[in-house]
Amino acid sequence: MIIYPLFYRMHVAEYLTYSDRIFALILELATESITFEPFKSRIEQCLIRLRKTQEKVNTQILTETVGLCDARRDQAVMAFETFALACSKRLNVEVSEAGKEILNEISSHGPNLIRRPMLEESAIIKSLVEKIKTNTKLSEALTKIDGGVWMQEVEEAENDFGIAIESRGEAKLDRSEESGIEVCKEIKKEFESFFKYLDVMCELEADAVYENLAKEINIVSEETNVLVSQRVGRLASVKEEETE
C-alpha cells in the first residue's frame, strides 16, 4: 500500500519539495515499456506550474536598482555639465569657446534636466549625446575640451539605467499570477490517482518496477510526514506559550 503524505497539513513549499522528489523517482524508474503515462506528464505539468508560483521576483530590489542607476546617471550629467561650465571659464579662448558650445547645447534641452521624470530624462540624454556625436561643430568642441570621457560616463550611466528598467519590466511580466494553493490541490489529485493506479499494479504483481517505485515513494512520504509533523508540533508549542 502506498503511504500518503499529510497533504492537508503541507505548505506550498513542502508540496514542491515532495513533488520534486516523487517526480524524480518516476523519471528514474520509468522504462520504455513502463512509462507511467499519462500520470507522469500530468504530474510534470502541475510541477512546472507549482515551481512558477514560487519564483518570487523581488521587484522592490529591482526598483531600488533603478533608483540607484538613476542617481548615478544624474551624477554623470551634473559632472559633464559642470566640466563644460569650467571649460567655458578657461583663459584659453579656444577651449573657452568650445566649453560654451557644449554648455549651450546642454542648456538648450531645458533647465533642471535631472529633475525631469526618469524616462523623459532618458529621451533627452539620448538626444543630447547623439547630437554632440553627429554635429561636426559640437563634436569638435567636445574634442577641444577633452570632454569625451565625461560624455562617455553619461552614456554608460544611461545604458545601465535602461538595462535596470528593462529588467524590472521583464521581472513583473514573468511573475506567475496563479495561486500556489490552487496548483497544490491539482497536483494532490494527480498523486492520488497515480498512487491508486500504482497500488493496483503492485497487487497484480505486473512488474517489479511498480513495487520498487512504491517502496521509494513510501520512504519519501514517511520522511515528509515526519518533517511536517515536527513543524506542526513546533507551531502548536509556540501558540501554547503565547496563551500562557
Protein backbone atom coordinates (compact mmCIF):
# COMPACT_ATOMS: atom_id res chain seq x y z
CA MET A 1 0.00 0.00 0.00
CA ILE A 2 1.19 3.47 -0.84
CA ILE A 3 1.75 5.74 2.16
CA TYR A 4 0.20 9.13 1.53
CA PRO A 5 1.82 12.35 2.73
CA LEU A 6 -0.08 14.68 5.06
CA PHE A 7 -1.37 16.72 2.15
CA TYR A 8 -3.85 18.67 4.27
CA ARG A 9 -1.08 19.95 6.55
CA MET A 10 1.56 20.68 3.93
CA HIS A 11 2.61 24.18 2.94
CA VAL A 12 3.18 25.07 -0.70
CA ALA A 13 6.97 24.81 -0.29
CA GLU A 14 6.55 21.33 1.21
CA TYR A 15 4.32 20.33 -1.70
CA LEU A 16 7.04 21.48 -4.07
CA THR A 17 9.81 19.55 -2.31
CA TYR A 18 7.69 16.41 -2.11
CA SER A 19 6.58 16.67 -5.73
CA ASP A 20 10.15 17.20 -6.94
CA ARG A 21 11.32 14.07 -5.13
CA ILE A 22 8.44 11.88 -6.31
CA PHE A 23 8.72 13.05 -9.91
CA ALA A 24 12.47 12.35 -9.85
CA LEU A 25 11.71 8.78 -8.75
CA ILE A 26 9.17 8.36 -11.55
CA LEU A 27 11.73 9.52 -14.11
CA GLU A 28 14.42 7.29 -12.65
CA LEU A 29 12.35 4.10 -12.63
CA ALA A 30 10.38 4.58 -15.85
CA THR A 31 11.29 2.23 -18.69
CA GLU A 32 10.44 2.01 -22.37
CA SER A 33 7.61 -0.39 -21.61
CA ILE A 34 6.53 1.12 -18.28
CA THR A 35 6.33 4.87 -18.80
CA PHE A 36 3.83 5.68 -16.02
CA GLU A 37 1.85 7.68 -18.54
CA PRO A 38 -0.41 9.61 -18.58
CA PHE A 39 0.26 10.25 -14.89
CA LYS A 40 3.87 11.28 -15.43
CA SER A 41 3.02 14.03 -17.92
CA ARG A 42 0.17 15.39 -15.83
CA ILE A 43 2.29 15.49 -12.69
CA GLU A 44 5.09 17.17 -14.62
CA GLN A 45 2.78 19.92 -15.90
CA CYS A 46 1.47 20.60 -12.39
CA LEU A 47 5.02 20.62 -11.07
CA ILE A 48 6.13 23.17 -13.66
CA ARG A 49 3.24 25.42 -12.70
CA LEU A 50 3.92 24.95 -9.00
CA ARG A 51 7.56 25.93 -9.45
CA LYS A 52 6.44 29.01 -11.35
CA THR A 53 4.26 30.19 -8.46
CA GLN A 54 7.28 30.04 -6.18
CA GLU A 55 9.55 32.13 -8.40
CA LYS A 56 9.13 35.24 -6.29
CA VAL A 57 10.96 38.02 -8.05
CA ASN A 58 11.64 40.80 -5.58
CA THR A 59 10.59 43.79 -7.65
CA GLN A 60 11.32 46.05 -4.70
CA ILE A 61 15.04 45.27 -5.05
CA LEU A 62 14.82 45.84 -8.80
CA THR A 63 13.11 49.18 -8.18
CA GLU A 64 15.91 50.14 -5.80
CA THR A 65 18.39 49.24 -8.55
CA VAL A 66 16.55 51.54 -10.96
CA GLY A 67 16.76 54.33 -8.38
CA LEU A 68 20.47 53.77 -7.88
CA CYS A 69 21.12 53.80 -11.64
CA ASP A 70 19.08 56.98 -11.98
CA ALA A 71 21.15 58.65 -9.24
CA ARG A 72 24.42 57.61 -10.91
CA ARG A 73 23.13 58.92 -14.22
CA ASP A 74 22.22 62.27 -12.61
CA GLN A 75 25.70 62.45 -11.14
CA ALA A 76 27.27 61.81 -14.54
CA VAL A 77 25.10 64.51 -16.18
CA MET A 78 25.95 67.05 -13.47
CA ALA A 79 29.64 66.23 -13.78
CA PHE A 80 29.55 66.68 -17.56
CA GLU A 81 27.68 69.98 -17.28
CA THR A 82 29.99 71.24 -14.52
CA PHE A 83 33.03 70.27 -16.57
CA ALA A 84 31.68 72.17 -19.60
CA LEU A 85 31.00 75.18 -17.37
CA ALA A 86 34.55 75.07 -16.01
CA CYS A 87 35.96 74.87 -19.55
CA SER A 88 33.88 77.90 -20.57
CA LYS A 89 35.78 79.89 -17.91
CA ARG A 90 39.22 78.87 -19.12
CA LEU A 91 41.69 81.62 -20.13
CA ASN A 92 42.44 79.65 -23.28
CA VAL A 93 39.97 81.24 -25.70
CA GLU A 94 39.67 78.20 -27.95
CA VAL A 95 38.87 75.94 -25.03
CA SER A 96 36.58 78.56 -23.51
CA GLU A 97 34.53 78.89 -26.71
CA ALA A 98 34.34 75.12 -27.09
CA GLY A 99 33.15 74.81 -23.49
CA LYS A 100 30.42 77.37 -24.15
CA GLU A 101 29.29 75.41 -27.22
CA ILE A 102 28.81 72.24 -25.18
CA LEU A 103 27.27 74.11 -22.25
CA ASN A 104 24.78 75.90 -24.51
CA GLU A 105 23.76 72.60 -26.09
CA ILE A 106 23.13 71.06 -22.68
CA SER A 107 21.16 74.14 -21.59
CA SER A 108 19.08 74.08 -24.78
CA HIS A 109 17.36 70.95 -23.52
CA GLY A 110 15.84 72.91 -20.68
CA PRO A 111 16.76 73.67 -17.08
CA ASN A 112 16.92 71.03 -14.35
CA LEU A 113 17.41 68.12 -16.72
CA ILE A 114 17.98 65.71 -13.86
CA ARG A 115 14.69 66.76 -12.25
CA ARG A 116 12.64 65.50 -15.18
CA PRO A 117 10.68 62.23 -14.96
CA MET A 118 13.11 59.35 -15.38
CA LEU A 119 12.01 58.16 -18.82
CA GLU A 120 11.74 61.72 -20.12
CA GLU A 121 15.27 62.33 -18.88
CA SER A 122 16.39 59.22 -20.78
CA ALA A 123 14.98 60.54 -24.04
CA ILE A 124 16.68 63.91 -23.56
CA ILE A 125 20.05 62.39 -22.68
CA LYS A 126 19.98 60.09 -25.71
CA SER A 127 19.10 63.02 -27.95
CA LEU A 128 21.85 65.18 -26.43
CA VAL A 129 24.56 62.55 -26.79
CA GLU A 130 23.52 61.70 -30.35
CA LYS A 131 23.57 65.36 -31.41
CA ILE A 132 27.02 66.00 -29.93
CA LYS A 133 28.33 62.91 -31.71
CA THR A 134 26.83 63.70 -35.12
CA ASN A 135 27.06 67.50 -35.21
CA THR A 136 30.50 68.43 -36.54
CA LYS A 137 30.74 71.69 -34.62
CA LEU A 138 29.75 70.08 -31.33
CA SER A 139 31.93 67.01 -31.77
CA GLU A 140 34.92 69.25 -32.48
CA ALA A 141 34.10 71.34 -29.42
CA LEU A 142 33.98 68.19 -27.29
CA THR A 143 37.40 67.18 -28.59
CA LYS A 144 38.88 70.61 -27.84
CA ILE A 145 37.87 70.46 -24.19
CA ASP A 146 38.84 66.78 -23.87
CA GLY A 147 35.29 66.03 -22.80
CA GLY A 148 34.94 62.61 -24.39
CA VAL A 149 35.43 60.69 -21.15
CA TRP A 150 32.86 62.87 -19.36
CA MET A 151 30.21 62.27 -22.01
CA GLN A 152 31.10 58.59 -22.11
CA GLU A 153 30.23 58.33 -18.42
CA VAL A 154 26.85 59.90 -19.16
CA GLU A 155 26.28 57.42 -21.97
CA GLU A 156 27.30 54.41 -19.87
CA ALA A 157 25.15 55.55 -16.95
CA GLU A 158 22.18 55.94 -19.29
CA ASN A 159 22.74 52.44 -20.68
CA ASP A 160 22.87 50.99 -17.15
CA PHE A 161 19.63 52.78 -16.30
CA GLY A 162 17.96 51.39 -19.42
CA ILE A 163 19.03 47.84 -18.53
CA ALA A 164 17.67 48.25 -14.99
CA ILE A 165 14.32 49.49 -16.30
CA GLU A 166 14.11 46.60 -18.77
CA SER A 167 14.99 44.02 -16.11
CA ARG A 168 12.31 45.33 -13.78
CA GLY A 169 9.72 45.22 -16.55
CA GLU A 170 10.61 41.66 -17.55
CA ALA A 171 10.50 40.52 -13.92
CA LYS A 172 6.99 41.87 -13.49
CA LEU A 173 5.84 40.10 -16.65
CA ASP A 174 7.45 36.82 -15.59
CA ARG A 175 5.71 36.66 -12.23
CA SER A 176 3.05 33.99 -12.11
CA GLU A 177 -0.40 35.19 -11.16
CA GLU A 178 -1.51 31.61 -10.47
CA SER A 179 -2.08 30.63 -6.85
CA GLY A 180 0.30 28.05 -5.44
CA ILE A 181 -2.52 26.71 -3.26
CA GLU A 182 -4.70 26.04 -6.30
CA VAL A 183 -1.91 24.18 -8.08
CA CYS A 184 -1.27 22.15 -4.91
CA LYS A 185 -4.89 21.00 -4.98
CA GLU A 186 -4.43 19.83 -8.57
CA ILE A 187 -1.15 18.04 -8.01
CA LYS A 188 -2.65 16.35 -4.92
CA LYS A 189 -5.40 14.90 -7.14
CA GLU A 190 -2.82 13.73 -9.67
CA PHE A 191 -0.78 11.98 -6.98
CA GLU A 192 -3.87 10.34 -5.50
CA SER A 193 -4.86 8.99 -8.92
CA PHE A 194 -1.34 7.78 -9.61
CA PHE A 195 -0.98 6.13 -6.19
CA LYS A 196 -4.28 4.24 -6.66
CA TYR A 197 -3.04 3.03 -10.03
CA LEU A 198 0.29 2.02 -8.53
CA ASP A 199 -1.43 0.09 -5.72
CA VAL A 200 -3.45 -1.89 -8.26
CA MET A 201 -0.36 -2.70 -10.34
CA CYS A 202 1.51 -3.84 -7.24
CA GLU A 203 -1.37 -6.13 -6.24
CA LEU A 204 -1.37 -7.63 -9.72
CA GLU A 205 2.41 -8.13 -9.44
CA ALA A 206 2.63 -6.87 -13.00
CA ASP A 207 6.31 -5.95 -12.79
CA ALA A 208 8.95 -5.37 -10.10
CA VAL A 209 9.27 -1.76 -11.29
CA TYR A 210 5.91 -0.92 -9.73
CA GLU A 211 6.88 -2.45 -6.39
CA ASN A 212 10.24 -0.68 -6.39
CA LEU A 213 8.64 2.68 -7.10
CA ALA A 214 6.03 2.12 -4.39
CA LYS A 215 8.77 1.39 -1.83
CA GLU A 216 10.69 4.54 -2.76
CA ILE A 217 7.53 6.68 -2.66
CA ASN A 218 6.72 5.33 0.81
CA ILE A 219 10.17 6.33 2.05
CA VAL A 220 9.72 9.89 0.76
CA SER A 221 6.18 10.10 2.16
CA GLU A 222 7.31 8.90 5.60
CA GLU A 223 10.19 11.39 5.68
CA THR A 224 7.87 14.19 4.57
CA ASN A 225 5.29 13.30 7.22
CA VAL A 226 7.93 13.42 9.95
CA LEU A 227 9.06 16.89 8.88
CA VAL A 228 5.51 18.20 8.53
CA SER A 229 4.53 16.78 11.94
CA GLN A 230 7.58 18.37 13.54
CA ARG A 231 6.70 21.75 12.05
CA VAL A 232 3.08 21.49 13.18
CA GLY A 233 4.25 20.44 16.65
CA ARG A 234 6.60 23.40 16.96
CA LEU A 235 3.84 25.76 15.88
CA ALA A 236 1.47 24.29 18.47
CA SER A 237 4.09 24.71 21.20
CA VAL A 238 4.60 28.36 20.31
CA LYS A 239 0.85 29.00 20.42
CA GLU A 240 0.60 27.35 23.84
CA GLU A 241 3.41 29.54 25.17
CA GLU A 242 1.70 32.65 23.83
CA THR A 243 -1.58 31.81 25.60
CA GLU A 244 0.05 31.11 28.97
